[in-house]
Amino acid sequence: MNYSILPEEMLVPESDDSDFNNKIEIEIKGLVMEVDLNTGKLTRIISSNPEAYLLYQPGLKIDFIPQIN
């Protein structure tokens, strides 16, 4: 439960699943990140290490070649 003066629509905006399907998680040098496949931009860094946010910032364009393990 969330107590706020803001309406629920502003706190949790509705989104369609197409946005979710266009993102993948990749690992670069042991750091897990979420990248948008359409734009190639970094959308999220999954790390509790503050140093990771100095190396990579959301919005950064990532050039990568997908590999099958």
PDB file of N, CA and C in Angstrom:
ATOM      1  N   MET A   1       0.841  -1.158   0.000  1.00  0.00           N
ATOM      2  CA  MET A   1       0.000   0.000   0.000  1.00  0.00           C
ATOM      3  C   MET A   1       0.895   1.233   0.000  1.00  0.00           C
ATOM      4  N   ASN A   2       0.489   2.215  -0.780  1.00  0.00           N
ATOM      5  CA  ASN A   2       1.291   3.419  -0.927  1.00  0.00           C
ATOM      6  C   ASN A   2       0.439   4.628  -0.540  1.00  0.00           C
ATOM      7  N   TYR A   3       0.886   5.383   0.425  1.00  0.00           N
ATOM      8  CA  TYR A   3       0.180   6.591   0.850  1.00  0.00           C
ATOM      9  C   TYR A   3       0.861   7.791   0.207  1.00  0.00           C
ATOM     10  N   SER A   4       0.152   8.474  -0.664  1.00  0.00           N
ATOM     11  CA  SER A   4       0.725   9.600  -1.375  1.00  0.00           C
ATOM     12  C   SER A   4      -0.378  10.572  -1.769  1.00  0.00           C
ATOM     13  N   ILE A   5       0.007  11.837  -1.962  1.00  0.00           N
ATOM     14  CA  ILE A   5      -0.966  12.812  -2.443  1.00  0.00           C
ATOM     15  C   ILE A   5      -1.114  12.734  -3.961  1.00  0.00           C
ATOM     16  N   LEU A   6      -0.209  12.030  -4.616  1.00  0.00           N
ATOM     17  CA  LEU A   6      -0.264  11.885  -6.066  1.00  0.00           C
ATOM     18  C   LEU A   6      -1.237  10.781  -6.449  1.00  0.00           C
ATOM     19  N   PRO A   7      -1.927  10.927  -7.584  1.00  0.00           N
ATOM     20  CA  PRO A   7      -2.808   9.859  -8.028  1.00  0.00           C
ATOM     21  C   PRO A   7      -2.013   8.617  -8.430  1.00  0.00           C
ATOM     22  N   GLU A   8      -2.653   7.471  -8.338  1.00  0.00           N
ATOM     23  CA  GLU A   8      -1.979   6.206  -8.629  1.00  0.00           C
ATOM     24  C   GLU A   8      -1.438   6.159 -10.058  1.00  0.00           C
ATOM     25  N   GLU A   9      -2.123   6.814 -11.003  1.00  0.00           N
ATOM     26  CA  GLU A   9      -1.678   6.817 -12.400  1.00  0.00           C
ATOM     27  C   GLU A   9      -0.317   7.488 -12.567  1.00  0.00           C
ATOM     28  N   MET A  10      -0.024   8.454 -11.713  1.00  0.00           N
ATOM     29  CA  MET A  10       1.275   9.122 -11.799  1.00  0.00           C
ATOM     30  C   MET A  10       2.380   8.290 -11.156  1.00  0.00           C
ATOM     31  N   LEU A  11       2.031   7.513 -10.153  1.00  0.00           N
ATOM     32  CA  LEU A  11       3.031   6.704  -9.461  1.00  0.00           C
ATOM     33  C   LEU A  11       3.364   5.439 -10.247  1.00  0.00           C
ATOM     34  N   VAL A  12       2.349   4.823 -10.818  1.00  0.00           N
ATOM     35  CA  VAL A  12       2.531   3.583 -11.571  1.00  0.00           C
ATOM     36  C   VAL A  12       1.831   3.744 -12.907  1.00  0.00           C
ATOM     37  N   PRO A  13       2.511   4.336 -13.881  1.00  0.00           N
ATOM     38  CA  PRO A  13       1.860   4.531 -15.177  1.00  0.00           C
ATOM     39  C   PRO A  13       1.646   3.194 -15.877  1.00  0.00           C
ATOM     40  N   GLU A  14       0.535   3.095 -16.582  1.00  0.00           N
ATOM     41  CA  GLU A  14       0.259   1.873 -17.325  1.00  0.00           C
ATOM     42  C   GLU A  14       1.134   1.847 -18.571  1.00  0.00           C
ATOM     43  N   SER A  15       1.652   0.684 -18.890  1.00  0.00           N
ATOM     44  CA  SER A  15       2.455   0.531 -20.096  1.00  0.00           C
ATOM     45  C   SER A  15       2.050  -0.757 -20.780  1.00  0.00           C
ATOM     46  N   ASP A  16       2.228  -0.784 -22.072  1.00  0.00           N
ATOM     47  CA  ASP A  16       1.895  -2.003 -22.788  1.00  0.00           C
ATOM     48  C   ASP A  16       3.087  -2.952 -22.768  1.00  0.00           C
ATOM     49  N   ASP A  17       2.857  -4.206 -23.114  1.00  0.00           N
ATOM     50  CA  ASP A  17       3.905  -5.217 -23.061  1.00  0.00           C
ATOM     51  C   ASP A  17       4.918  -5.083 -24.184  1.00  0.00           C
ATOM     52  N   SER A  18       4.616  -4.301 -25.219  1.00  0.00           N
ATOM     53  CA  SER A  18       5.566  -4.153 -26.321  1.00  0.00           C
ATOM     54  C   SER A  18       6.845  -3.471 -25.850  1.00  0.00           C
ATOM     55  N   ASP A  19       6.731  -2.553 -24.889  1.00  0.00           N
ATOM     56  CA  ASP A  19       7.909  -1.905 -24.321  1.00  0.00           C
ATOM     57  C   ASP A  19       8.797  -2.924 -23.613  1.00  0.00           C
ATOM     58  N   PHE A  20       8.172  -3.835 -22.893  1.00  0.00           N
ATOM     59  CA  PHE A  20       8.907  -4.844 -22.137  1.00  0.00           C
ATOM     60  C   PHE A  20       9.607  -5.826 -23.070  1.00  0.00           C
ATOM     61  N   ASN A  21       8.982  -6.178 -24.186  1.00  0.00           N
ATOM     62  CA  ASN A  21       9.538  -7.160 -25.104  1.00  0.00           C
ATOM     63  C   ASN A  21      10.727  -6.630 -25.890  1.00  0.00           C
ATOM     64  N   ASN A  22      10.909  -5.335 -25.945  1.00  0.00           N
ATOM     65  CA  ASN A  22      12.007  -4.746 -26.703  1.00  0.00           C
ATOM     66  C   ASN A  22      13.261  -4.541 -25.870  1.00  0.00           C
ATOM     67  N   LYS A  23      13.275  -5.041 -24.646  1.00  0.00           N
ATOM     68  CA  LYS A  23      14.434  -4.855 -23.774  1.00  0.00           C
ATOM     69  C   LYS A  23      15.032  -6.202 -23.399  1.00  0.00           C
ATOM     70  N   ILE A  24      16.364  -6.227 -23.341  1.00  0.00           N
ATOM     71  CA  ILE A  24      17.058  -7.446 -22.921  1.00  0.00           C
ATOM     72  C   ILE A  24      18.074  -7.082 -21.845  1.00  0.00           C
ATOM     73  N   GLU A  25      18.443  -8.077 -21.070  1.00  0.00           N
ATOM     74  CA  GLU A  25      19.504  -7.892 -20.081  1.00  0.00           C
ATOM     75  C   GLU A  25      20.792  -8.443 -20.667  1.00  0.00           C
ATOM     76  N   ILE A  26      21.841  -7.644 -20.590  1.00  0.00           N
ATOM     77  CA  ILE A  26      23.156  -8.078 -21.055  1.00  0.00           C
ATOM     78  C   ILE A  26      24.150  -7.939 -19.912  1.00  0.00           C
ATOM     79  N   GLU A  27      25.274  -8.615 -20.055  1.00  0.00           N
ATOM     80  CA  GLU A  27      26.331  -8.522 -19.051  1.00  0.00           C
ATOM     81  C   GLU A  27      27.610  -8.070 -19.730  1.00  0.00           C
ATOM     82  N   ILE A  28      28.181  -6.976 -19.224  1.00  0.00           N
ATOM     83  CA  ILE A  28      29.443  -6.444 -19.721  1.00  0.00           C
ATOM     84  C   ILE A  28      30.386  -6.320 -18.541  1.00  0.00           C
ATOM     85  N   LYS A  29      31.490  -7.033 -18.603  1.00  0.00           N
ATOM     86  CA  LYS A  29      32.501  -7.008 -17.539  1.00  0.00           C
ATOM     87  C   LYS A  29      31.893  -7.300 -16.166  1.00  0.00           C
ATOM     88  N   GLY A  30      30.976  -8.269 -16.117  1.00  0.00           N
ATOM     89  CA  GLY A  30      30.369  -8.666 -14.859  1.00  0.00           C
ATOM     90  C   GLY A  30      29.246  -7.773 -14.371  1.00  0.00           C
ATOM     91  N   LEU A  31      28.884  -6.755 -15.154  1.00  0.00           N
ATOM     92  CA  LEU A  31      27.833  -5.814 -14.784  1.00  0.00           C
ATOM     93  C   LEU A  31      26.595  -6.091 -15.635  1.00  0.00           C
ATOM     94  N   VAL A  32      25.458  -6.328 -14.986  1.00  0.00           N
ATOM     95  CA  VAL A  32      24.215  -6.636 -15.690  1.00  0.00           C
ATOM     96  C   VAL A  32      23.467  -5.339 -15.971  1.00  0.00           C
ATOM     97  N   MET A  33      23.054  -5.169 -17.250  1.00  0.00           N
ATOM     98  CA  MET A  33      22.355  -3.959 -17.673  1.00  0.00           C
ATOM     99  C   MET A  33      21.167  -4.331 -18.539  1.00  0.00           C
ATOM    100  N   GLU A  34      20.184  -3.451 -18.594  1.00  0.00           N
ATOM    101  CA  GLU A  34      19.036  -3.628 -19.469  1.00  0.00           C
ATOM    102  C   GLU A  34      19.170  -2.657 -20.631  1.00  0.00           C
ATOM    103  N   VAL A  35      19.056  -3.192 -21.856  1.00  0.00           N
ATOM    104  CA  VAL A  35      19.247  -2.392 -23.059  1.00  0.00           C
ATOM    105  C   VAL A  35      18.000  -2.473 -23.924  1.00  0.00           C
ATOM    106  N   ASP A  36      17.592  -1.348 -24.491  1.00  0.00           N
ATOM    107  CA  ASP A  36      16.469  -1.298 -25.425  1.00  0.00           C
ATOM    108  C   ASP A  36      16.973  -1.752 -26.795  1.00  0.00           C
ATOM    109  N   LEU A  37      16.332  -2.774 -27.372  1.00  0.00           N
ATOM    110  CA  LEU A  37      16.773  -3.311 -28.655  1.00  0.00           C
ATOM    111  C   LEU A  37      16.510  -2.356 -29.814  1.00  0.00           C
ATOM    112  N   ASN A  38      15.473  -1.537 -29.721  1.00  0.00           N
ATOM    113  CA  ASN A  38      15.151  -0.614 -30.812  1.00  0.00           C
ATOM    114  C   ASN A  38      16.179   0.494 -30.948  1.00  0.00           C
ATOM    115  N   THR A  39      16.601   1.054 -29.835  1.00  0.00           N
ATOM    116  CA  THR A  39      17.507   2.206 -29.875  1.00  0.00           C
ATOM    117  C   THR A  39      18.944   1.850 -29.523  1.00  0.00           C
ATOM    118  N   GLY A  40      19.151   0.722 -28.855  1.00  0.00           N
ATOM    119  CA  GLY A  40      20.493   0.359 -28.410  1.00  0.00           C
ATOM    120  C   GLY A  40      20.945   1.154 -27.201  1.00  0.00           C
ATOM    121  N   LYS A  41      20.003   1.814 -26.526  1.00  0.00           N
ATOM    122  CA  LYS A  41      20.357   2.637 -25.369  1.00  0.00           C
ATOM    123  C   LYS A  41      20.188   1.864 -24.074  1.00  0.00           C
ATOM    124  N   LEU A  42      21.063   2.161 -23.151  1.00  0.00           N
ATOM    125  CA  LEU A  42      21.021   1.582 -21.819  1.00  0.00           C
ATOM    126  C   LEU A  42      19.841   2.176 -21.064  1.00  0.00           C
ATOM    127  N   THR A  43      18.943   1.303 -20.566  1.00  0.00           N
ATOM    128  CA  THR A  43      17.772   1.802 -19.853  1.00  0.00           C
ATOM    129  C   THR A  43      17.877   1.598 -18.346  1.00  0.00           C
ATOM    130  N   ARG A  44      18.661   0.600 -17.924  1.00  0.00           N
ATOM    131  CA  ARG A  44      18.737   0.323 -16.490  1.00  0.00           C
ATOM    132  C   ARG A  44      20.039  -0.402 -16.172  1.00  0.00           C
ATOM    133  N   ILE A  45      20.651  -0.053 -15.064  1.00  0.00           N
ATOM    134  CA  ILE A  45      21.827  -0.754 -14.540  1.00  0.00           C
ATOM    135  C   ILE A  45      21.371  -1.525 -13.318  1.00  0.00           C
ATOM    136  N   ILE A  46      21.680  -2.815 -13.296  1.00  0.00           N
ATOM    137  CA  ILE A  46      21.259  -3.654 -12.183  1.00  0.00           C
ATOM    138  C   ILE A  46      22.486  -3.932 -11.328  1.00  0.00           C
ATOM    139  N   SER A  47      22.748  -3.029 -10.398  1.00  0.00           N
ATOM    140  CA  SER A  47      23.927  -3.140  -9.542  1.00  0.00           C
ATOM    141  C   SER A  47      23.736  -2.280  -8.299  1.00  0.00           C
ATOM    142  N   SER A  48      24.285  -2.749  -7.210  1.00  0.00           N
ATOM    143  CA  SER A  48      24.281  -1.938  -5.997  1.00  0.00           C
ATOM    144  C   SER A  48      25.623  -1.250  -5.790  1.00  0.00           C
ATOM    145  N   ASN A  49      26.535  -1.438  -6.719  1.00  0.00           N
ATOM    146  CA  ASN A  49      27.857  -0.836  -6.646  1.00  0.00           C
ATOM    147  C   ASN A  49      27.816   0.571  -7.241  1.00  0.00           C
ATOM    148  N   PRO A  50      28.077   1.613  -6.463  1.00  0.00           N
ATOM    149  CA  PRO A  50      28.028   2.983  -6.979  1.00  0.00           C
ATOM    150  C   PRO A  50      29.026   3.246  -8.101  1.00  0.00           C
ATOM    151  N   GLU A  51      30.119   2.519  -8.118  1.00  0.00           N
ATOM    152  CA  GLU A  51      31.130   2.713  -9.158  1.00  0.00           C
ATOM    153  C   GLU A  51      30.590   2.347 -10.544  1.00  0.00           C
ATOM    154  N   ALA A  52      29.655   1.407 -10.600  1.00  0.00           N
ATOM    155  CA  ALA A  52      29.065   1.001 -11.878  1.00  0.00           C
ATOM    156  C   ALA A  52      28.349   2.175 -12.542  1.00  0.00           C
ATOM    157  N   TYR A  53      27.755   3.052 -11.749  1.00  0.00           N
ATOM    158  CA  TYR A  53      27.026   4.191 -12.287  1.00  0.00           C
ATOM    159  C   TYR A  53      27.965   5.294 -12.766  1.00  0.00           C
ATOM    160  N   LEU A  54      29.230   5.243 -12.376  1.00  0.00           N
ATOM    161  CA  LEU A  54      30.216   6.185 -12.909  1.00  0.00           C
ATOM    162  C   LEU A  54      30.714   5.743 -14.275  1.00  0.00           C
ATOM    163  N   LEU A  55      30.722   4.433 -14.509  1.00  0.00           N
ATOM    164  CA  LEU A  55      31.183   3.891 -15.790  1.00  0.00           C
ATOM    165  C   LEU A  55      30.093   3.948 -16.858  1.00  0.00           C
ATOM    166  N   TYR A  56      28.869   3.622 -16.486  1.00  0.00           N
ATOM    167  CA  TYR A  56      27.753   3.568 -17.424  1.00  0.00           C
ATOM    168  C   TYR A  56      26.580   4.361 -16.864  1.00  0.00           C
ATOM    169  N   GLN A  57      25.934   5.140 -17.726  1.00  0.00           N
ATOM    170  CA  GLN A  57      24.771   5.920 -17.319  1.00  0.00           C
ATOM    171  C   GLN A  57      23.584   5.546 -18.200  1.00  0.00           C
ATOM    172  N   PRO A  58      22.365   5.504 -17.628  1.00  0.00           N
ATOM    173  CA  PRO A  58      21.191   5.264 -18.454  1.00  0.00           C
ATOM    174  C   PRO A  58      21.095   6.302 -19.573  1.00  0.00           C
ATOM    175  N   GLY A  59      20.740   5.838 -20.767  1.00  0.00           N
ATOM    176  CA  GLY A  59      20.692   6.696 -21.941  1.00  0.00           C
ATOM    177  C   GLY A  59      21.910   6.542 -22.825  1.00  0.00           C
ATOM    178  N   LEU A  60      22.953   5.906 -22.309  1.00  0.00           N
ATOM    179  CA  LEU A  60      24.179   5.681 -23.067  1.00  0.00           C
ATOM    180  C   LEU A  60      23.909   4.677 -24.181  1.00  0.00           C
ATOM    181  N   LYS A  61      24.396   4.958 -25.393  1.00  0.00           N
ATOM    182  CA  LYS A  61      24.209   4.028 -26.504  1.00  0.00           C
ATOM    183  C   LYS A  61      25.238   2.913 -26.384  1.00  0.00           C
ATOM    184  N   ILE A  62      24.742   1.664 -26.383  1.00  0.00           N
ATOM    185  CA  ILE A  62      25.583   0.498 -26.257  1.00  0.00           C
ATOM    186  C   ILE A  62      25.674  -0.214 -27.601  1.00  0.00           C
ATOM    187  N   ASP A  63      26.873  -0.448 -28.097  1.00  0.00           N
ATOM    188  CA  ASP A  63      27.079  -1.241 -29.299  1.00  0.00           C
ATOM    189  C   ASP A  63      27.435  -2.645 -28.856  1.00  0.00           C
ATOM    190  N   PHE A  64      26.614  -3.617 -29.254  1.00  0.00           N
ATOM    191  CA  PHE A  64      26.870  -4.986 -28.859  1.00  0.00           C
ATOM    192  C   PHE A  64      26.449  -5.934 -29.959  1.00  0.00           C
ATOM    193  N   ILE A  65      27.072  -7.104 -29.972  1.00  0.00           N
ATOM    194  CA  ILE A  65      26.737  -8.162 -30.907  1.00  0.00           C
ATOM    195  C   ILE A  65      26.252  -9.339 -30.075  1.00  0.00           C
ATOM    196  N   PRO A  66      24.970  -9.714 -30.225  1.00  0.00           N
ATOM    197  CA  PRO A  66      24.446 -10.826 -29.431  1.00  0.00           C
ATOM    198  C   PRO A  66      25.202 -12.123 -29.713  1.00  0.00           C
ATOM    199  N   GLN A  67      25.491 -12.891 -28.668  1.00  0.00           N
ATOM    200  CA  GLN A  67      26.179 -14.170 -28.791  1.00  0.00           C
ATOM    201  C   GLN A  67      25.343 -15.243 -28.152  1.00  0.00           C
ATOM    202  N   ILE A  68      25.344 -16.418 -28.755  1.00  0.00           N
ATOM    203  CA  ILE A  68      24.631 -17.562 -28.203  1.00  0.00           C
ATOM    204  C   ILE A  68      25.632 -18.420 -27.470  1.00  0.00           C
ATOM    205  N   ASN A  69      25.353 -18.688 -26.198  1.00  0.00           N
ATOM    206  CA  ASN A  69      26.273 -19.519 -25.406  1.00  0.00           C
ATOM    207  C   ASN A  69      25.887 -20.966 -25.483  1.00  0.00           C
TER     208      ASN A  69
END
